[in-house]
Amino acid sequence: MPTDPGPPGRCGTISVHRDAGGTVLRLTGEIDAAVVAAYEDEHGPQPEPIDAVDAEEVTYISSRGIAFLLQWADAAPRAPVLRRSSRQLDRMLQLSGLIEVFQRPPGT
């Protein structure tokens, strides 16, 4: 699966990669409707089954970004592990009542 750093000037990125723990959805920077649309234009609107999410570097996430994240979580065979998460994403998940959608690694 390709990693897409996105065109210059974009403030956020979405990529999918595989590692020893499975398929990982990685979000960085500002995840808004434009970033989601750019990803879906390039890769299609259908989410892939994922095992984990890495969102430690998210600085902002819009409601469209949250919806995108939930679509990908819903496509997973089991609740994805939120390996790393920024304070901003945690706050949005808590405010929206969606914090329980994701598993957390032990001790976090």
N, C-alpha and C. Protein backbone atom coordinates (compact mmCIF):
# COMPACT_ATOMS: atom_id res chain seq x y z
N MET A 1 0.84 -1.17 0.00
CA MET A 1 0.00 0.00 0.00
C MET A 1 0.89 1.23 0.00
N PRO A 2 0.61 2.17 -0.87
CA PRO A 2 1.46 3.35 -0.96
C PRO A 2 1.22 4.31 0.20
N THR A 3 2.26 5.01 0.56
CA THR A 3 2.15 6.09 1.53
C THR A 3 2.05 7.36 0.72
N ASP A 4 1.07 8.19 1.03
CA ASP A 4 0.85 9.41 0.27
C ASP A 4 1.13 10.62 1.14
N PRO A 5 2.28 11.28 0.94
CA PRO A 5 2.56 12.47 1.72
C PRO A 5 1.74 13.66 1.27
N GLY A 6 1.08 13.57 0.13
CA GLY A 6 0.24 14.66 -0.36
C GLY A 6 1.05 15.73 -1.06
N PRO A 7 0.35 16.58 -1.80
CA PRO A 7 1.05 17.64 -2.51
C PRO A 7 1.57 18.71 -1.56
N PRO A 8 2.59 19.46 -1.99
CA PRO A 8 3.12 20.53 -1.14
C PRO A 8 2.02 21.53 -0.80
N GLY A 9 2.08 22.06 0.40
CA GLY A 9 1.12 23.07 0.82
C GLY A 9 -0.08 22.52 1.56
N ARG A 10 -0.30 21.21 1.47
CA ARG A 10 -1.39 20.62 2.23
C ARG A 10 -0.99 20.53 3.68
N CYS A 11 -1.91 20.81 4.56
CA CYS A 11 -1.59 20.85 5.99
C CYS A 11 -1.72 19.52 6.70
N GLY A 12 -2.37 18.55 6.09
CA GLY A 12 -2.54 17.26 6.72
C GLY A 12 -2.33 16.15 5.72
N THR A 13 -2.06 14.95 6.24
CA THR A 13 -1.88 13.80 5.37
C THR A 13 -2.59 12.58 5.94
N ILE A 14 -3.00 11.73 5.02
CA ILE A 14 -3.60 10.44 5.35
C ILE A 14 -2.83 9.40 4.56
N SER A 15 -2.42 8.34 5.23
CA SER A 15 -1.72 7.26 4.53
C SER A 15 -2.08 5.93 5.18
N VAL A 16 -1.84 4.87 4.43
CA VAL A 16 -2.07 3.51 4.92
C VAL A 16 -0.80 2.73 4.67
N HIS A 17 -0.36 2.00 5.67
CA HIS A 17 0.83 1.16 5.50
C HIS A 17 0.68 -0.12 6.31
N ARG A 18 1.52 -1.05 6.02
CA ARG A 18 1.55 -2.31 6.77
C ARG A 18 2.81 -2.35 7.62
N ASP A 19 2.67 -2.90 8.81
CA ASP A 19 3.83 -3.18 9.66
C ASP A 19 3.58 -4.51 10.35
N ALA A 20 4.40 -4.85 11.32
CA ALA A 20 4.28 -6.15 11.98
C ALA A 20 2.92 -6.33 12.67
N GLY A 21 2.27 -5.22 13.03
CA GLY A 21 0.98 -5.30 13.70
C GLY A 21 -0.22 -5.30 12.77
N GLY A 22 0.01 -5.24 11.46
CA GLY A 22 -1.08 -5.25 10.50
C GLY A 22 -1.16 -3.98 9.69
N THR A 23 -2.36 -3.66 9.25
CA THR A 23 -2.60 -2.48 8.42
C THR A 23 -2.91 -1.28 9.30
N VAL A 24 -2.19 -0.18 9.05
CA VAL A 24 -2.27 1.00 9.91
C VAL A 24 -2.72 2.21 9.09
N LEU A 25 -3.74 2.90 9.58
CA LEU A 25 -4.17 4.18 9.02
C LEU A 25 -3.43 5.26 9.79
N ARG A 26 -2.68 6.11 9.07
CA ARG A 26 -1.89 7.15 9.73
C ARG A 26 -2.42 8.52 9.31
N LEU A 27 -2.69 9.34 10.31
CA LEU A 27 -3.16 10.70 10.10
C LEU A 27 -2.15 11.66 10.71
N THR A 28 -1.82 12.72 9.98
CA THR A 28 -0.90 13.73 10.51
C THR A 28 -1.41 15.12 10.15
N GLY A 29 -1.09 16.09 11.00
CA GLY A 29 -1.42 17.48 10.71
C GLY A 29 -2.90 17.78 10.86
N GLU A 30 -3.37 18.68 10.00
CA GLU A 30 -4.76 19.12 10.04
C GLU A 30 -5.60 18.25 9.10
N ILE A 31 -6.50 17.47 9.68
CA ILE A 31 -7.34 16.57 8.90
C ILE A 31 -8.72 17.23 8.76
N ASP A 32 -8.94 17.81 7.59
CA ASP A 32 -10.21 18.49 7.34
C ASP A 32 -10.85 17.92 6.08
N ALA A 33 -11.95 18.52 5.65
CA ALA A 33 -12.68 18.00 4.49
C ALA A 33 -11.82 17.99 3.23
N ALA A 34 -10.98 18.99 3.05
CA ALA A 34 -10.13 19.05 1.86
C ALA A 34 -9.11 17.91 1.84
N VAL A 35 -8.52 17.60 2.98
CA VAL A 35 -7.53 16.51 3.06
C VAL A 35 -8.22 15.17 2.81
N VAL A 36 -9.39 14.97 3.41
CA VAL A 36 -10.14 13.73 3.19
C VAL A 36 -10.52 13.61 1.71
N ALA A 37 -11.03 14.69 1.11
CA ALA A 37 -11.42 14.66 -0.30
C ALA A 37 -10.23 14.33 -1.20
N ALA A 38 -9.08 14.93 -0.91
CA ALA A 38 -7.88 14.66 -1.71
C ALA A 38 -7.48 13.19 -1.61
N TYR A 39 -7.54 12.63 -0.40
CA TYR A 39 -7.20 11.21 -0.22
C TYR A 39 -8.19 10.34 -1.00
N GLU A 40 -9.48 10.62 -0.86
CA GLU A 40 -10.50 9.81 -1.52
C GLU A 40 -10.45 9.97 -3.04
N ASP A 41 -10.10 11.15 -3.53
CA ASP A 41 -9.96 11.35 -4.98
C ASP A 41 -8.85 10.47 -5.54
N GLU A 42 -7.77 10.34 -4.78
CA GLU A 42 -6.62 9.56 -5.24
C GLU A 42 -6.79 8.06 -5.02
N HIS A 43 -7.40 7.68 -3.89
CA HIS A 43 -7.45 6.26 -3.51
C HIS A 43 -8.84 5.64 -3.55
N GLY A 44 -9.85 6.44 -3.79
CA GLY A 44 -11.22 5.95 -3.80
C GLY A 44 -11.87 6.12 -2.44
N PRO A 45 -13.21 6.11 -2.42
CA PRO A 45 -13.93 6.38 -1.17
C PRO A 45 -14.10 5.17 -0.25
N GLN A 46 -13.78 3.96 -0.73
CA GLN A 46 -14.00 2.77 0.07
C GLN A 46 -12.86 2.57 1.07
N PRO A 47 -13.19 2.49 2.35
CA PRO A 47 -12.14 2.23 3.35
C PRO A 47 -11.64 0.79 3.26
N GLU A 48 -10.43 0.59 3.71
CA GLU A 48 -9.83 -0.74 3.80
C GLU A 48 -9.95 -1.23 5.24
N PRO A 49 -10.00 -2.54 5.45
CA PRO A 49 -9.96 -3.04 6.82
C PRO A 49 -8.60 -2.69 7.45
N ILE A 50 -8.63 -2.10 8.61
CA ILE A 50 -7.40 -1.71 9.30
C ILE A 50 -7.33 -2.40 10.66
N ASP A 51 -6.11 -2.51 11.15
CA ASP A 51 -5.89 -3.09 12.47
C ASP A 51 -5.59 -2.02 13.51
N ALA A 52 -5.07 -0.88 13.04
CA ALA A 52 -4.64 0.15 13.98
C ALA A 52 -4.71 1.53 13.34
N VAL A 53 -4.68 2.54 14.22
CA VAL A 53 -4.63 3.95 13.81
C VAL A 53 -3.47 4.60 14.54
N ASP A 54 -2.69 5.37 13.80
CA ASP A 54 -1.62 6.19 14.38
C ASP A 54 -2.00 7.63 14.09
N ALA A 55 -2.36 8.37 15.13
CA ALA A 55 -2.80 9.75 14.96
C ALA A 55 -2.09 10.68 15.94
N GLU A 56 -0.89 10.31 16.31
CA GLU A 56 -0.15 11.10 17.30
C GLU A 56 0.15 12.51 16.81
N GLU A 57 0.29 12.68 15.50
CA GLU A 57 0.69 13.98 14.96
C GLU A 57 -0.49 14.81 14.43
N VAL A 58 -1.72 14.43 14.77
CA VAL A 58 -2.88 15.22 14.37
C VAL A 58 -2.92 16.50 15.20
N THR A 59 -2.99 17.64 14.50
CA THR A 59 -3.05 18.93 15.20
C THR A 59 -4.46 19.51 15.19
N TYR A 60 -5.29 19.02 14.27
CA TYR A 60 -6.68 19.46 14.15
C TYR A 60 -7.42 18.38 13.39
N ILE A 61 -8.68 18.12 13.77
CA ILE A 61 -9.51 17.20 13.00
C ILE A 61 -10.93 17.74 12.98
N SER A 62 -11.46 17.89 11.78
CA SER A 62 -12.81 18.41 11.60
C SER A 62 -13.83 17.29 11.75
N SER A 63 -15.10 17.65 11.70
CA SER A 63 -16.15 16.63 11.78
C SER A 63 -16.05 15.68 10.59
N ARG A 64 -15.62 16.18 9.42
CA ARG A 64 -15.44 15.31 8.26
C ARG A 64 -14.28 14.34 8.49
N GLY A 65 -13.23 14.81 9.17
CA GLY A 65 -12.12 13.94 9.52
C GLY A 65 -12.54 12.84 10.49
N ILE A 66 -13.37 13.20 11.46
CA ILE A 66 -13.90 12.21 12.42
C ILE A 66 -14.77 11.19 11.67
N ALA A 67 -15.61 11.67 10.76
CA ALA A 67 -16.47 10.75 9.99
C ALA A 67 -15.62 9.79 9.16
N PHE A 68 -14.56 10.30 8.54
CA PHE A 68 -13.65 9.46 7.76
C PHE A 68 -13.03 8.38 8.65
N LEU A 69 -12.55 8.78 9.81
CA LEU A 69 -11.94 7.85 10.76
C LEU A 69 -12.94 6.77 11.18
N LEU A 70 -14.18 7.16 11.43
CA LEU A 70 -15.22 6.19 11.82
C LEU A 70 -15.58 5.24 10.68
N GLN A 71 -15.60 5.74 9.44
CA GLN A 71 -15.87 4.86 8.30
C GLN A 71 -14.80 3.77 8.21
N TRP A 72 -13.56 4.16 8.43
CA TRP A 72 -12.47 3.18 8.38
C TRP A 72 -12.56 2.21 9.56
N ALA A 73 -12.91 2.71 10.73
CA ALA A 73 -13.07 1.83 11.89
C ALA A 73 -14.21 0.84 11.66
N ASP A 74 -15.30 1.30 11.05
CA ASP A 74 -16.45 0.42 10.78
C ASP A 74 -16.11 -0.67 9.77
N ALA A 75 -15.15 -0.41 8.88
CA ALA A 75 -14.77 -1.40 7.87
C ALA A 75 -13.84 -2.47 8.44
N ALA A 76 -13.34 -2.25 9.64
CA ALA A 76 -12.40 -3.19 10.25
C ALA A 76 -13.16 -4.41 10.79
N PRO A 77 -12.53 -5.58 10.75
CA PRO A 77 -13.19 -6.79 11.27
C PRO A 77 -13.38 -6.74 12.79
N ARG A 78 -12.56 -5.96 13.47
CA ARG A 78 -12.71 -5.75 14.92
C ARG A 78 -12.29 -4.31 15.21
N ALA A 79 -12.58 -3.83 16.38
CA ALA A 79 -12.24 -2.44 16.72
C ALA A 79 -10.74 -2.20 16.55
N PRO A 80 -10.35 -1.22 15.74
CA PRO A 80 -8.92 -0.95 15.56
C PRO A 80 -8.29 -0.42 16.84
N VAL A 81 -7.01 -0.67 16.98
CA VAL A 81 -6.25 -0.15 18.11
C VAL A 81 -5.81 1.27 17.78
N LEU A 82 -6.13 2.20 18.65
CA LEU A 82 -5.64 3.57 18.51
C LEU A 82 -4.28 3.60 19.21
N ARG A 83 -3.23 3.28 18.43
CA ARG A 83 -1.88 3.13 18.99
C ARG A 83 -1.38 4.41 19.65
N ARG A 84 -1.47 5.46 18.88
CA ARG A 84 -1.00 6.75 19.37
C ARG A 84 -2.00 7.80 18.92
N SER A 85 -2.27 8.74 19.81
CA SER A 85 -3.28 9.74 19.51
C SER A 85 -2.87 11.08 20.10
N SER A 86 -3.15 12.13 19.37
CA SER A 86 -2.85 13.47 19.88
C SER A 86 -3.91 13.90 20.88
N ARG A 87 -3.57 14.89 21.65
CA ARG A 87 -4.52 15.47 22.60
C ARG A 87 -5.76 15.99 21.87
N GLN A 88 -5.54 16.60 20.69
CA GLN A 88 -6.63 17.17 19.92
C GLN A 88 -7.63 16.09 19.47
N LEU A 89 -7.11 14.97 18.98
CA LEU A 89 -8.01 13.90 18.56
C LEU A 89 -8.72 13.29 19.76
N ASP A 90 -8.00 13.04 20.83
CA ASP A 90 -8.64 12.48 22.03
C ASP A 90 -9.78 13.37 22.50
N ARG A 91 -9.56 14.66 22.48
CA ARG A 91 -10.60 15.61 22.94
C ARG A 91 -11.83 15.53 22.03
N MET A 92 -11.62 15.50 20.72
CA MET A 92 -12.75 15.41 19.79
C MET A 92 -13.52 14.10 19.97
N LEU A 93 -12.79 13.00 20.17
CA LEU A 93 -13.46 11.71 20.38
C LEU A 93 -14.26 11.72 21.69
N GLN A 94 -13.70 12.33 22.73
CA GLN A 94 -14.41 12.42 24.00
C GLN A 94 -15.67 13.29 23.87
N LEU A 95 -15.52 14.45 23.25
CA LEU A 95 -16.66 15.38 23.10
C LEU A 95 -17.78 14.77 22.27
N SER A 96 -17.43 13.96 21.30
CA SER A 96 -18.44 13.36 20.42
C SER A 96 -18.96 12.02 20.95
N GLY A 97 -18.42 11.56 22.09
CA GLY A 97 -18.87 10.30 22.67
C GLY A 97 -18.37 9.09 21.91
N LEU A 98 -17.28 9.24 21.17
CA LEU A 98 -16.78 8.15 20.32
C LEU A 98 -15.48 7.54 20.82
N ILE A 99 -15.06 7.89 22.01
CA ILE A 99 -13.77 7.41 22.53
C ILE A 99 -13.73 5.89 22.63
N GLU A 100 -14.88 5.25 22.83
CA GLU A 100 -14.92 3.79 23.02
C GLU A 100 -14.89 3.01 21.70
N VAL A 101 -14.93 3.71 20.57
CA VAL A 101 -14.91 3.02 19.27
C VAL A 101 -13.59 2.30 19.05
N PHE A 102 -12.52 2.81 19.63
CA PHE A 102 -11.19 2.28 19.41
C PHE A 102 -10.65 1.60 20.67
N GLN A 103 -9.93 0.51 20.45
CA GLN A 103 -9.19 -0.11 21.55
C GLN A 103 -7.96 0.75 21.81
N ARG A 104 -7.44 0.65 22.99
CA ARG A 104 -6.18 1.33 23.33
C ARG A 104 -5.15 0.28 23.72
N PRO A 105 -3.88 0.53 23.42
CA PRO A 105 -2.86 -0.42 23.86
C PRO A 105 -2.85 -0.49 25.38
N PRO A 106 -2.48 -1.63 25.94
CA PRO A 106 -2.42 -1.74 27.40
C PRO A 106 -1.51 -0.65 27.99
N GLY A 107 -1.95 -0.09 29.10
CA GLY A 107 -1.15 0.91 29.80
C GLY A 107 -1.29 2.32 29.28
N THR A 108 -2.26 2.57 28.38
CA THR A 108 -2.43 3.95 27.88
C THR A 108 -3.73 4.53 28.34
